[in-house]
ModelCIF file with pLDDT and N, C-alpha, C, O atoms, coordinates in Angstrom:
data_MODEL
#
_entry.id   MODEL 
#
_entity.id                         1 
_entity.type                       polymer 
_entity.pdbx_number_of_molecules   1 
#
_entity_poly.entity_id                      1 
_entity_poly.type                           'polypeptide(L)' 
_entity_poly.nstd_linkage                   no 
_entity_poly.nstd_monomer                   no 
_entity_poly.pdbx_seq_one_letter_code       FEGRTVIAFTLPKAGAATMTLYDVTGKVLRVIEGEYAKGYNQVDLMRT 
_entity_poly.pdbx_seq_one_letter_code_can   FEGRTVIAFTLPKAGAATMTLYDVTGKVLRVIEGEYAKGYNQVDLMRT 
_entity_poly.pdbx_strand_id                 A 
#
loop_
_entity_poly_seq.entity_id 
_entity_poly_seq.num 
_entity_poly_seq.mon_id 
_entity_poly_seq.hetero 
1 1  PHE n 
1 2  GLU n 
1 3  GLY n 
1 4  ARG n 
1 5  THR n 
1 6  VAL n 
1 7  ILE n 
1 8  ALA n 
1 9  PHE n 
1 10 THR n 
1 11 LEU n 
1 12 PRO n 
1 13 LYS n 
1 14 ALA n 
1 15 GLY n 
1 16 ALA n 
1 17 ALA n 
1 18 THR n 
1 19 MET n 
1 20 THR n 
1 21 LEU n 
1 22 TYR n 
1 23 ASP n 
1 24 VAL n 
1 25 THR n 
1 26 GLY n 
1 27 LYS n 
1 28 VAL n 
1 29 LEU n 
1 30 ARG n 
1 31 VAL n 
1 32 ILE n 
1 33 GLU n 
1 34 GLY n 
1 35 GLU n 
1 36 TYR n 
1 37 ALA n 
1 38 LYS n 
1 39 GLY n 
1 40 TYR n 
1 41 ASN n 
1 42 GLN n 
1 43 VAL n 
1 44 ASP n 
1 45 LEU n 
1 46 MET n 
1 47 ARG n 
1 48 THR n 
#
_struct_asym.id          A 
_struct_asym.entity_id   1 
#
loop_
_ma_qa_metric.id 
_ma_qa_metric.mode 
_ma_qa_metric.name 
_ma_qa_metric.software_group_id 
_ma_qa_metric.type 
1 global pLDDT . pLDDT 
2 local  pLDDT . pLDDT 
#
_ma_qa_metric_global.metric_id      1 
_ma_qa_metric_global.metric_value   94.54 
_ma_qa_metric_global.model_id       1 
_ma_qa_metric_global.ordinal_id     1 
#
loop_
_ma_qa_metric_local.label_asym_id 
_ma_qa_metric_local.label_comp_id 
_ma_qa_metric_local.label_seq_id 
_ma_qa_metric_local.metric_id 
_ma_qa_metric_local.metric_value 
_ma_qa_metric_local.model_id 
_ma_qa_metric_local.ordinal_id 
A PHE 1  2 95.00 1 1  
A GLU 2  2 92.00 1 2  
A GLY 3  2 92.00 1 3  
A ARG 4  2 94.00 1 4  
A THR 5  2 96.00 1 5  
A VAL 6  2 97.00 1 6  
A ILE 7  2 96.00 1 7  
A ALA 8  2 95.00 1 8  
A PHE 9  2 94.00 1 9  
A THR 10 2 93.00 1 10 
A LEU 11 2 92.00 1 11 
A PRO 12 2 90.00 1 12 
A LYS 13 2 91.00 1 13 
A ALA 14 2 94.00 1 14 
A GLY 15 2 95.00 1 15 
A ALA 16 2 96.00 1 16 
A ALA 17 2 96.00 1 17 
A THR 18 2 97.00 1 18 
A MET 19 2 96.00 1 19 
A THR 20 2 97.00 1 20 
A LEU 21 2 96.00 1 21 
A TYR 22 2 95.00 1 22 
A ASP 23 2 94.00 1 23 
A VAL 24 2 93.00 1 24 
A THR 25 2 94.00 1 25 
A GLY 26 2 93.00 1 26 
A LYS 27 2 95.00 1 27 
A VAL 28 2 96.00 1 28 
A LEU 29 2 95.00 1 29 
A ARG 30 2 95.00 1 30 
A VAL 31 2 97.00 1 31 
A ILE 32 2 96.00 1 32 
A GLU 33 2 96.00 1 33 
A GLY 34 2 96.00 1 34 
A GLU 35 2 97.00 1 35 
A TYR 36 2 96.00 1 36 
A ALA 37 2 96.00 1 37 
A LYS 38 2 95.00 1 38 
A GLY 39 2 95.00 1 39 
A TYR 40 2 96.00 1 40 
A ASN 41 2 96.00 1 41 
A GLN 42 2 95.00 1 42 
A VAL 43 2 94.00 1 43 
A ASP 44 2 94.00 1 44 
A LEU 45 2 93.00 1 45 
A MET 46 2 92.00 1 46 
A ARG 47 2 90.00 1 47 
A THR 48 2 90.00 1 48 
#
loop_
_atom_site.group_PDB 
_atom_site.id 
_atom_site.type_symbol 
_atom_site.label_atom_id 
_atom_site.label_alt_id 
_atom_site.label_comp_id 
_atom_site.label_asym_id 
_atom_site.label_entity_id 
_atom_site.label_seq_id 
_atom_site.pdbx_PDB_ins_code 
_atom_site.Cartn_x 
_atom_site.Cartn_y 
_atom_site.Cartn_z 
_atom_site.occupancy 
_atom_site.B_iso_or_equiv 
_atom_site.pdbx_formal_charge 
_atom_site.auth_seq_id 
_atom_site.auth_comp_id 
_atom_site.auth_asym_id 
_atom_site.auth_atom_id 
_atom_site.pdbx_PDB_model_num 
ATOM 1   N N  . PHE A 1 1  ? 143.206 166.037 34.388 1.00 95.00 ? 1  PHE A N  1 
ATOM 2   C CA . PHE A 1 1  ? 142.124 165.052 34.433 1.00 95.00 ? 1  PHE A CA 1 
ATOM 3   C C  . PHE A 1 1  ? 141.084 165.436 35.467 1.00 95.00 ? 1  PHE A C  1 
ATOM 4   O O  . PHE A 1 1  ? 141.352 166.205 36.391 1.00 95.00 ? 1  PHE A O  1 
ATOM 5   N N  . GLU A 1 2  ? 139.877 164.877 35.290 1.00 92.00 ? 2  GLU A N  1 
ATOM 6   C CA . GLU A 1 2  ? 138.782 165.110 36.226 1.00 92.00 ? 2  GLU A CA 1 
ATOM 7   C C  . GLU A 1 2  ? 138.461 163.861 37.041 1.00 92.00 ? 2  GLU A C  1 
ATOM 8   O O  . GLU A 1 2  ? 138.462 163.901 38.272 1.00 92.00 ? 2  GLU A O  1 
ATOM 9   N N  . GLY A 1 3  ? 138.186 162.755 36.357 1.00 92.00 ? 3  GLY A N  1 
ATOM 10  C CA . GLY A 1 3  ? 137.703 161.557 37.047 1.00 92.00 ? 3  GLY A CA 1 
ATOM 11  C C  . GLY A 1 3  ? 138.744 160.485 37.263 1.00 92.00 ? 3  GLY A C  1 
ATOM 12  O O  . GLY A 1 3  ? 138.821 159.901 38.344 1.00 92.00 ? 3  GLY A O  1 
ATOM 13  N N  . ARG A 1 4  ? 139.557 160.215 36.235 1.00 94.00 ? 4  ARG A N  1 
ATOM 14  C CA . ARG A 1 4  ? 140.504 159.090 36.294 1.00 94.00 ? 4  ARG A CA 1 
ATOM 15  C C  . ARG A 1 4  ? 141.705 159.403 35.414 1.00 94.00 ? 4  ARG A C  1 
ATOM 16  O O  . ARG A 1 4  ? 141.575 160.023 34.359 1.00 94.00 ? 4  ARG A O  1 
ATOM 17  N N  . THR A 1 5  ? 142.873 158.966 35.862 1.00 96.00 ? 5  THR A N  1 
ATOM 18  C CA . THR A 1 5  ? 144.094 159.085 35.068 1.00 96.00 ? 5  THR A CA 1 
ATOM 19  C C  . THR A 1 5  ? 144.913 157.815 35.235 1.00 96.00 ? 5  THR A C  1 
ATOM 20  O O  . THR A 1 5  ? 144.719 157.066 36.193 1.00 96.00 ? 5  THR A O  1 
ATOM 21  N N  . VAL A 1 6  ? 145.821 157.574 34.310 1.00 97.00 ? 6  VAL A N  1 
ATOM 22  C CA . VAL A 1 6  ? 146.690 156.398 34.355 1.00 97.00 ? 6  VAL A CA 1 
ATOM 23  C C  . VAL A 1 6  ? 148.138 156.878 34.385 1.00 97.00 ? 6  VAL A C  1 
ATOM 24  O O  . VAL A 1 6  ? 148.556 157.694 33.563 1.00 97.00 ? 6  VAL A O  1 
ATOM 25  N N  . ILE A 1 7  ? 148.889 156.359 35.343 1.00 96.00 ? 7  ILE A N  1 
ATOM 26  C CA . ILE A 1 7  ? 150.309 156.654 35.443 1.00 96.00 ? 7  ILE A CA 1 
ATOM 27  C C  . ILE A 1 7  ? 151.060 155.371 35.096 1.00 96.00 ? 7  ILE A C  1 
ATOM 28  O O  . ILE A 1 7  ? 150.952 154.368 35.801 1.00 96.00 ? 7  ILE A O  1 
ATOM 29  N N  . ALA A 1 8  ? 151.815 155.413 34.012 1.00 95.00 ? 8  ALA A N  1 
ATOM 30  C CA . ALA A 1 8  ? 152.548 154.226 33.543 1.00 95.00 ? 8  ALA A CA 1 
ATOM 31  C C  . ALA A 1 8  ? 154.030 154.370 33.862 1.00 95.00 ? 8  ALA A C  1 
ATOM 32  O O  . ALA A 1 8  ? 154.553 155.480 33.966 1.00 95.00 ? 8  ALA A O  1 
ATOM 33  N N  . PHE A 1 9  ? 154.696 153.232 34.014 1.00 94.00 ? 9  PHE A N  1 
ATOM 34  C CA . PHE A 1 9  ? 156.138 153.226 34.239 1.00 94.00 ? 9  PHE A CA 1 
ATOM 35  C C  . PHE A 1 9  ? 156.704 151.880 33.808 1.00 94.00 ? 9  PHE A C  1 
ATOM 36  O O  . PHE A 1 9  ? 155.988 150.881 33.739 1.00 94.00 ? 9  PHE A O  1 
ATOM 37  N N  . THR A 1 10 ? 157.986 151.872 33.524 1.00 93.00 ? 10 THR A N  1 
ATOM 38  C CA . THR A 1 10 ? 158.680 150.658 33.106 1.00 93.00 ? 10 THR A CA 1 
ATOM 39  C C  . THR A 1 10 ? 159.770 150.347 34.113 1.00 93.00 ? 10 THR A C  1 
ATOM 40  O O  . THR A 1 10 ? 160.541 151.225 34.499 1.00 93.00 ? 10 THR A O  1 
ATOM 41  N N  . LEU A 1 11 ? 159.831 149.090 34.538 1.00 92.00 ? 11 LEU A N  1 
ATOM 42  C CA . LEU A 1 11 ? 160.870 148.662 35.480 1.00 92.00 ? 11 LEU A CA 1 
ATOM 43  C C  . LEU A 1 11 ? 161.855 147.733 34.773 1.00 92.00 ? 11 LEU A C  1 
ATOM 44  O O  . LEU A 1 11 ? 161.441 146.880 33.987 1.00 92.00 ? 11 LEU A O  1 
ATOM 45  N N  . PRO A 1 12 ? 163.155 147.888 35.044 1.00 90.00 ? 12 PRO A N  1 
ATOM 46  C CA . PRO A 1 12 ? 164.147 147.022 34.421 1.00 90.00 ? 12 PRO A CA 1 
ATOM 47  C C  . PRO A 1 12 ? 164.100 145.585 34.955 1.00 90.00 ? 12 PRO A C  1 
ATOM 48  O O  . PRO A 1 12 ? 164.526 144.649 34.278 1.00 90.00 ? 12 PRO A O  1 
ATOM 49  N N  . LYS A 1 13 ? 163.574 145.423 36.181 1.00 91.00 ? 13 LYS A N  1 
ATOM 50  C CA . LYS A 1 13 ? 163.392 144.085 36.757 1.00 91.00 ? 13 LYS A CA 1 
ATOM 51  C C  . LYS A 1 13 ? 162.221 144.130 37.714 1.00 91.00 ? 13 LYS A C  1 
ATOM 52  O O  . LYS A 1 13 ? 161.865 145.194 38.219 1.00 91.00 ? 13 LYS A O  1 
ATOM 53  N N  . ALA A 1 14 ? 161.626 142.987 37.964 1.00 94.00 ? 14 ALA A N  1 
ATOM 54  C CA . ALA A 1 14 ? 160.478 142.909 38.865 1.00 94.00 ? 14 ALA A CA 1 
ATOM 55  C C  . ALA A 1 14 ? 160.899 143.326 40.268 1.00 94.00 ? 14 ALA A C  1 
ATOM 56  O O  . ALA A 1 14 ? 162.025 143.066 40.691 1.00 94.00 ? 14 ALA A O  1 
ATOM 57  N N  . GLY A 1 15 ? 159.989 143.973 40.981 1.00 95.00 ? 15 GLY A N  1 
ATOM 58  C CA . GLY A 1 15 ? 160.304 144.358 42.345 1.00 95.00 ? 15 GLY A CA 1 
ATOM 59  C C  . GLY A 1 15 ? 159.338 145.383 42.895 1.00 95.00 ? 15 GLY A C  1 
ATOM 60  O O  . GLY A 1 15 ? 158.330 145.722 42.276 1.00 95.00 ? 15 GLY A O  1 
ATOM 61  N N  . ALA A 1 16 ? 159.677 145.865 44.075 1.00 96.00 ? 16 ALA A N  1 
ATOM 62  C CA . ALA A 1 16 ? 158.836 146.831 44.774 1.00 96.00 ? 16 ALA A CA 1 
ATOM 63  C C  . ALA A 1 16 ? 159.005 148.224 44.181 1.00 96.00 ? 16 ALA A C  1 
ATOM 64  O O  . ALA A 1 16 ? 160.091 148.611 43.751 1.00 96.00 ? 16 ALA A O  1 
ATOM 65  N N  . ALA A 1 17 ? 157.909 148.960 44.171 1.00 96.00 ? 17 ALA A N  1 
ATOM 66  C CA . ALA A 1 17 ? 157.935 150.360 43.753 1.00 96.00 ? 17 ALA A CA 1 
ATOM 67  C C  . ALA A 1 17 ? 156.939 151.122 44.614 1.00 96.00 ? 17 ALA A C  1 
ATOM 68  O O  . ALA A 1 17 ? 155.918 150.585 45.042 1.00 96.00 ? 17 ALA A O  1 
ATOM 69  N N  . THR A 1 18 ? 157.263 152.388 44.856 1.00 97.00 ? 18 THR A N  1 
ATOM 70  C CA . THR A 1 18 ? 156.405 153.250 45.648 1.00 97.00 ? 18 THR A CA 1 
ATOM 71  C C  . THR A 1 18 ? 156.118 154.522 44.872 1.00 97.00 ? 18 THR A C  1 
ATOM 72  O O  . THR A 1 18 ? 157.033 155.174 44.369 1.00 97.00 ? 18 THR A O  1 
ATOM 73  N N  . MET A 1 19 ? 154.853 154.869 44.777 1.00 96.00 ? 19 MET A N  1 
ATOM 74  C CA . MET A 1 19 ? 154.459 156.122 44.158 1.00 96.00 ? 19 MET A CA 1 
ATOM 75  C C  . MET A 1 19 ? 153.866 157.004 45.246 1.00 96.00 ? 19 MET A C  1 
ATOM 76  O O  . MET A 1 19 ? 152.924 156.609 45.934 1.00 96.00 ? 19 MET A O  1 
ATOM 77  N N  . THR A 1 20 ? 154.424 158.203 45.398 1.00 97.00 ? 20 THR A N  1 
ATOM 78  C CA . THR A 1 20 ? 153.973 159.143 46.418 1.00 97.00 ? 20 THR A CA 1 
ATOM 79  C C  . THR A 1 20 ? 153.427 160.379 45.729 1.00 97.00 ? 20 THR A C  1 
ATOM 80  O O  . THR A 1 20 ? 154.077 160.933 44.842 1.00 97.00 ? 20 THR A O  1 
ATOM 81  N N  . LEU A 1 21 ? 152.241 160.817 46.126 1.00 96.00 ? 21 LEU A N  1 
ATOM 82  C CA . LEU A 1 21 ? 151.618 162.012 45.569 1.00 96.00 ? 21 LEU A CA 1 
ATOM 83  C C  . LEU A 1 21 ? 151.693 163.129 46.599 1.00 96.00 ? 21 LEU A C  1 
ATOM 84  O O  . LEU A 1 21 ? 151.374 162.931 47.771 1.00 96.00 ? 21 LEU A O  1 
ATOM 85  N N  . TYR A 1 22 ? 152.124 164.322 46.144 1.00 95.00 ? 22 TYR A N  1 
ATOM 86  C CA . TYR A 1 22 ? 152.308 165.481 47.009 1.00 95.00 ? 22 TYR A CA 1 
ATOM 87  C C  . TYR A 1 22 ? 151.522 166.665 46.461 1.00 95.00 ? 22 TYR A C  1 
ATOM 88  O O  . TYR A 1 22 ? 151.287 166.759 45.256 1.00 95.00 ? 22 TYR A O  1 
ATOM 89  N N  . ASP A 1 23 ? 151.115 167.570 47.350 1.00 94.00 ? 23 ASP A N  1 
ATOM 90  C CA . ASP A 1 23 ? 150.573 168.836 46.862 1.00 94.00 ? 23 ASP A CA 1 
ATOM 91  C C  . ASP A 1 23 ? 151.726 169.826 46.710 1.00 94.00 ? 23 ASP A C  1 
ATOM 92  O O  . ASP A 1 23 ? 152.880 169.472 46.949 1.00 94.00 ? 23 ASP A O  1 
ATOM 93  N N  . VAL A 1 24 ? 151.424 171.061 46.314 1.00 93.00 ? 24 VAL A N  1 
ATOM 94  C CA . VAL A 1 24 ? 152.483 172.034 46.041 1.00 93.00 ? 24 VAL A CA 1 
ATOM 95  C C  . VAL A 1 24 ? 153.243 172.449 47.295 1.00 93.00 ? 24 VAL A C  1 
ATOM 96  O O  . VAL A 1 24 ? 154.343 172.990 47.189 1.00 93.00 ? 24 VAL A O  1 
ATOM 97  N N  . THR A 1 25 ? 152.683 172.207 48.483 1.00 94.00 ? 25 THR A N  1 
ATOM 98  C CA . THR A 1 25 ? 153.375 172.540 49.730 1.00 94.00 ? 25 THR A CA 1 
ATOM 99  C C  . THR A 1 25 ? 154.263 171.404 50.219 1.00 94.00 ? 25 THR A C  1 
ATOM 100 O O  . THR A 1 25 ? 154.994 171.560 51.198 1.00 94.00 ? 25 THR A O  1 
ATOM 101 N N  . GLY A 1 26 ? 154.200 170.245 49.531 1.00 93.00 ? 26 GLY A N  1 
ATOM 102 C CA . GLY A 1 26 ? 154.991 169.088 49.937 1.00 93.00 ? 26 GLY A CA 1 
ATOM 103 C C  . GLY A 1 26 ? 154.247 168.118 50.829 1.00 93.00 ? 26 GLY A C  1 
ATOM 104 O O  . GLY A 1 26 ? 154.812 167.107 51.246 1.00 93.00 ? 26 GLY A O  1 
ATOM 105 N N  . LYS A 1 27 ? 152.991 168.404 51.131 1.00 95.00 ? 27 LYS A N  1 
ATOM 106 C CA . LYS A 1 27 ? 152.182 167.513 51.959 1.00 95.00 ? 27 LYS A CA 1 
ATOM 107 C C  . LYS A 1 27 ? 151.888 166.226 51.185 1.00 95.00 ? 27 LYS A C  1 
ATOM 108 O O  . LYS A 1 27 ? 151.461 166.275 50.032 1.00 95.00 ? 27 LYS A O  1 
ATOM 109 N N  . VAL A 1 28 ? 152.115 165.092 51.817 1.00 96.00 ? 28 VAL A N  1 
ATOM 110 C CA . VAL A 1 28 ? 151.849 163.798 51.189 1.00 96.00 ? 28 VAL A CA 1 
ATOM 111 C C  . VAL A 1 28 ? 150.339 163.566 51.148 1.00 96.00 ? 28 VAL A C  1 
ATOM 112 O O  . VAL A 1 28 ? 149.662 163.602 52.176 1.00 96.00 ? 28 VAL A O  1 
ATOM 113 N N  . LEU A 1 29 ? 149.831 163.329 49.946 1.00 95.00 ? 29 LEU A N  1 
ATOM 114 C CA . LEU A 1 29 ? 148.401 163.103 49.748 1.00 95.00 ? 29 LEU A CA 1 
ATOM 115 C C  . LEU A 1 29 ? 148.043 161.631 49.709 1.00 95.00 ? 29 LEU A C  1 
ATOM 116 O O  . LEU A 1 29 ? 146.977 161.228 50.174 1.00 95.00 ? 29 LEU A O  1 
ATOM 117 N N  . ARG A 1 30 ? 148.934 160.836 49.155 1.00 95.00 ? 30 ARG A N  1 
ATOM 118 C CA . ARG A 1 30 ? 148.676 159.395 49.021 1.00 95.00 ? 30 ARG A CA 1 
ATOM 119 C C  . ARG A 1 30 ? 149.979 158.678 48.720 1.00 95.00 ? 30 ARG A C  1 
ATOM 120 O O  . ARG A 1 30 ? 150.847 159.210 48.026 1.00 95.00 ? 30 ARG A O  1 
ATOM 121 N N  . VAL A 1 31 ? 150.112 157.468 49.245 1.00 97.00 ? 31 VAL A N  1 
ATOM 122 C CA . VAL A 1 31 ? 151.256 156.607 48.959 1.00 97.00 ? 31 VAL A CA 1 
ATOM 123 C C  . VAL A 1 31 ? 150.710 155.285 48.426 1.00 97.00 ? 31 VAL A C  1 
ATOM 124 O O  . VAL A 1 31 ? 149.855 154.653 49.046 1.00 97.00 ? 31 VAL A O  1 
ATOM 125 N N  . ILE A 1 32 ? 151.221 154.885 47.269 1.00 96.00 ? 32 ILE A N  1 
ATOM 126 C CA . ILE A 1 32 ? 150.804 153.631 46.639 1.00 96.00 ? 32 ILE A CA 1 
ATOM 127 C C  . ILE A 1 32 ? 152.038 152.744 46.555 1.00 96.00 ? 32 ILE A C  1 
ATOM 128 O O  . ILE A 1 32 ? 153.010 153.085 45.881 1.00 96.00 ? 32 ILE A O  1 
ATOM 129 N N  . GLU A 1 33 ? 151.996 151.608 47.238 1.00 96.00 ? 33 GLU A N  1 
ATOM 130 C CA . GLU A 1 33 ? 153.129 150.680 47.237 1.00 96.00 ? 33 GLU A CA 1 
ATOM 131 C C  . GLU A 1 33 ? 152.692 149.371 46.615 1.00 96.00 ? 33 GLU A C  1 
ATOM 132 O O  . GLU A 1 33 ? 151.538 148.963 46.753 1.00 96.00 ? 33 GLU A O  1 
ATOM 133 N N  . GLY A 1 34 ? 153.614 148.713 45.931 1.00 96.00 ? 34 GLY A N  1 
ATOM 134 C CA . GLY A 1 34 ? 153.269 147.432 45.348 1.00 96.00 ? 34 GLY A CA 1 
ATOM 135 C C  . GLY A 1 34 ? 154.465 146.717 44.785 1.00 96.00 ? 34 GLY A C  1 
ATOM 136 O O  . GLY A 1 34 ? 155.561 147.267 44.681 1.00 96.00 ? 34 GLY A O  1 
ATOM 137 N N  . GLU A 1 35 ? 154.225 145.467 44.424 1.00 97.00 ? 35 GLU A N  1 
ATOM 138 C CA . GLU A 1 35 ? 155.215 144.649 43.729 1.00 97.00 ? 35 GLU A CA 1 
ATOM 139 C C  . GLU A 1 35 ? 154.812 144.642 42.264 1.00 97.00 ? 35 GLU A C  1 
ATOM 140 O O  . GLU A 1 35 ? 153.676 144.306 41.928 1.00 97.00 ? 35 GLU A O  1 
ATOM 141 N N  . TYR A 1 36 ? 155.732 145.010 41.402 1.00 96.00 ? 36 TYR A N  1 
ATOM 142 C CA . TYR A 1 36 ? 155.415 145.157 39.986 1.00 96.00 ? 36 TYR A CA 1 
ATOM 143 C C  . TYR A 1 36 ? 156.319 144.269 39.143 1.00 96.00 ? 36 TYR A C  1 
ATOM 144 O O  . TYR A 1 36 ? 157.428 143.919 39.546 1.00 96.00 ? 36 TYR A O  1 
ATOM 145 N N  . ALA A 1 37 ? 155.821 143.916 37.970 1.00 96.00 ? 37 ALA A N  1 
ATOM 146 C CA . ALA A 1 37 ? 156.534 143.037 37.047 1.00 96.00 ? 37 ALA A CA 1 
ATOM 147 C C  . ALA A 1 37 ? 157.622 143.797 36.301 1.00 96.00 ? 37 ALA A C  1 
ATOM 148 O O  . ALA A 1 37 ? 157.595 145.025 36.223 1.00 96.00 ? 37 ALA A O  1 
ATOM 149 N N  . LYS A 1 38 ? 158.564 143.063 35.763 1.00 95.00 ? 38 LYS A N  1 
ATOM 150 C CA . LYS A 1 38 ? 159.564 143.639 34.873 1.00 95.00 ? 38 LYS A CA 1 
ATOM 151 C C  . LYS A 1 38 ? 158.845 144.179 33.634 1.00 95.00 ? 38 LYS A C  1 
ATOM 152 O O  . LYS A 1 38 ? 157.928 143.543 33.114 1.00 95.00 ? 38 LYS A O  1 
ATOM 153 N N  . GLY A 1 39 ? 159.265 145.348 33.169 1.00 95.00 ? 39 GLY A N  1 
ATOM 154 C CA . GLY A 1 39 ? 158.657 145.926 31.975 1.00 95.00 ? 39 GLY A CA 1 
ATOM 155 C C  . GLY A 1 39 ? 157.581 146.937 32.314 1.00 95.00 ? 39 GLY A C  1 
ATOM 156 O O  . GLY A 1 39 ? 157.648 147.615 33.340 1.00 95.00 ? 39 GLY A O  1 
ATOM 157 N N  . TYR A 1 40 ? 156.584 147.032 31.438 1.00 96.00 ? 40 TYR A N  1 
ATOM 158 C CA . TYR A 1 40 ? 155.543 148.055 31.527 1.00 96.00 ? 40 TYR A CA 1 
ATOM 159 C C  . TYR A 1 40 ? 154.546 147.753 32.646 1.00 96.00 ? 40 TYR A C  1 
ATOM 160 O O  . TYR A 1 40 ? 154.064 146.628 32.779 1.00 96.00 ? 40 TYR A O  1 
ATOM 161 N N  . ASN A 1 41 ? 154.248 148.775 33.443 1.00 96.00 ? 41 ASN A N  1 
ATOM 162 C CA . ASN A 1 41 ? 153.254 148.694 34.508 1.00 96.00 ? 41 ASN A CA 1 
ATOM 163 C C  . ASN A 1 41 ? 152.456 149.985 34.502 1.00 96.00 ? 41 ASN A C  1 
ATOM 164 O O  . ASN A 1 41 ? 152.890 150.990 33.939 1.00 96.00 ? 41 ASN A O  1 
ATOM 165 N N  . GLN A 1 42 ? 151.294 149.957 35.126 1.00 95.00 ? 42 GLN A N  1 
ATOM 166 C CA . GLN A 1 42 ? 150.523 151.188 35.243 1.00 95.00 ? 42 GLN A CA 1 
ATOM 167 C C  . GLN A 1 42 ? 149.702 151.191 36.522 1.00 95.00 ? 42 GLN A C  1 
ATOM 168 O O  . GLN A 1 42 ? 149.323 150.144 37.048 1.00 95.00 ? 42 GLN A O  1 
ATOM 169 N N  . VAL A 1 43 ? 149.438 152.394 37.004 1.00 94.00 ? 43 VAL A N  1 
ATOM 170 C CA . VAL A 1 43 ? 148.602 152.609 38.176 1.00 94.00 ? 43 VAL A CA 1 
ATOM 171 C C  . VAL A 1 43 ? 147.426 153.458 37.743 1.00 94.00 ? 43 VAL A C  1 
ATOM 172 O O  . VAL A 1 43 ? 147.611 154.538 37.183 1.00 94.00 ? 43 VAL A O  1 
ATOM 173 N N  . ASP A 1 44 ? 146.210 152.979 37.999 1.00 94.00 ? 44 ASP A N  1 
ATOM 174 C CA . ASP A 1 44 ? 144.999 153.763 37.728 1.00 94.00 ? 44 ASP A CA 1 
ATOM 175 C C  . ASP A 1 44 ? 144.699 154.587 38.964 1.00 94.00 ? 44 ASP A C  1 
ATOM 176 O O  . ASP A 1 44 ? 144.634 154.056 40.073 1.00 94.00 ? 44 ASP A O  1 
ATOM 177 N N  . LEU A 1 45 ? 144.517 155.869 38.774 1.00 93.00 ? 45 LEU A N  1 
ATOM 178 C CA . LEU A 1 45 ? 144.275 156.775 39.887 1.00 93.00 ? 45 LEU A CA 1 
ATOM 179 C C  . LEU A 1 45 ? 142.938 157.471 39.668 1.00 93.00 ? 45 LEU A C  1 
ATOM 180 O O  . LEU A 1 45 ? 142.725 158.127 38.648 1.00 93.00 ? 45 LEU A O  1 
ATOM 181 N N  . MET A 1 46 ? 142.050 157.320 40.631 1.00 92.00 ? 46 MET A N  1 
ATOM 182 C CA . MET A 1 46 ? 140.744 157.970 40.574 1.00 92.00 ? 46 MET A CA 1 
ATOM 183 C C  . MET A 1 46 ? 140.824 159.315 41.296 1.00 92.00 ? 46 MET A C  1 
ATOM 184 O O  . MET A 1 46 ? 141.602 159.489 42.234 1.00 92.00 ? 46 MET A O  1 
ATOM 185 N N  . ARG A 1 47 ? 140.018 160.239 40.846 1.00 90.00 ? 47 ARG A N  1 
ATOM 186 C CA . ARG A 1 47 ? 139.974 161.565 41.472 1.00 90.00 ? 47 ARG A CA 1 
ATOM 187 C C  . ARG A 1 47 ? 139.649 161.450 42.949 1.00 90.00 ? 47 ARG A C  1 
ATOM 188 O O  . ARG A 1 47 ? 140.169 162.210 43.765 1.00 90.00 ? 47 ARG A O  1 
ATOM 189 N N  . THR A 1 48 ? 138.793 160.505 43.292 1.00 90.00 ? 48 THR A N  1 
ATOM 190 C CA . THR A 1 48 ? 138.401 160.304 44.696 1.00 90.00 ? 48 THR A CA 1 
ATOM 191 C C  . THR A 1 48 ? 139.539 159.757 45.550 1.00 90.00 ? 48 THR A C  1 
ATOM 192 O O  . THR A 1 48 ? 139.361 159.536 46.748 1.00 90.00 ? 48 THR A O  1 
#
């Protein structure tokens, strides 16, 4: 992707989830934490 991408996931029950983005060296680029609903969820990620 260039400008925007969507990362979807399904949770068996509502609760906290953390998405961590790393580069190829293992350096943490961004951490996204949140409370998500049971079932389908998605995170919109902008290139910026």
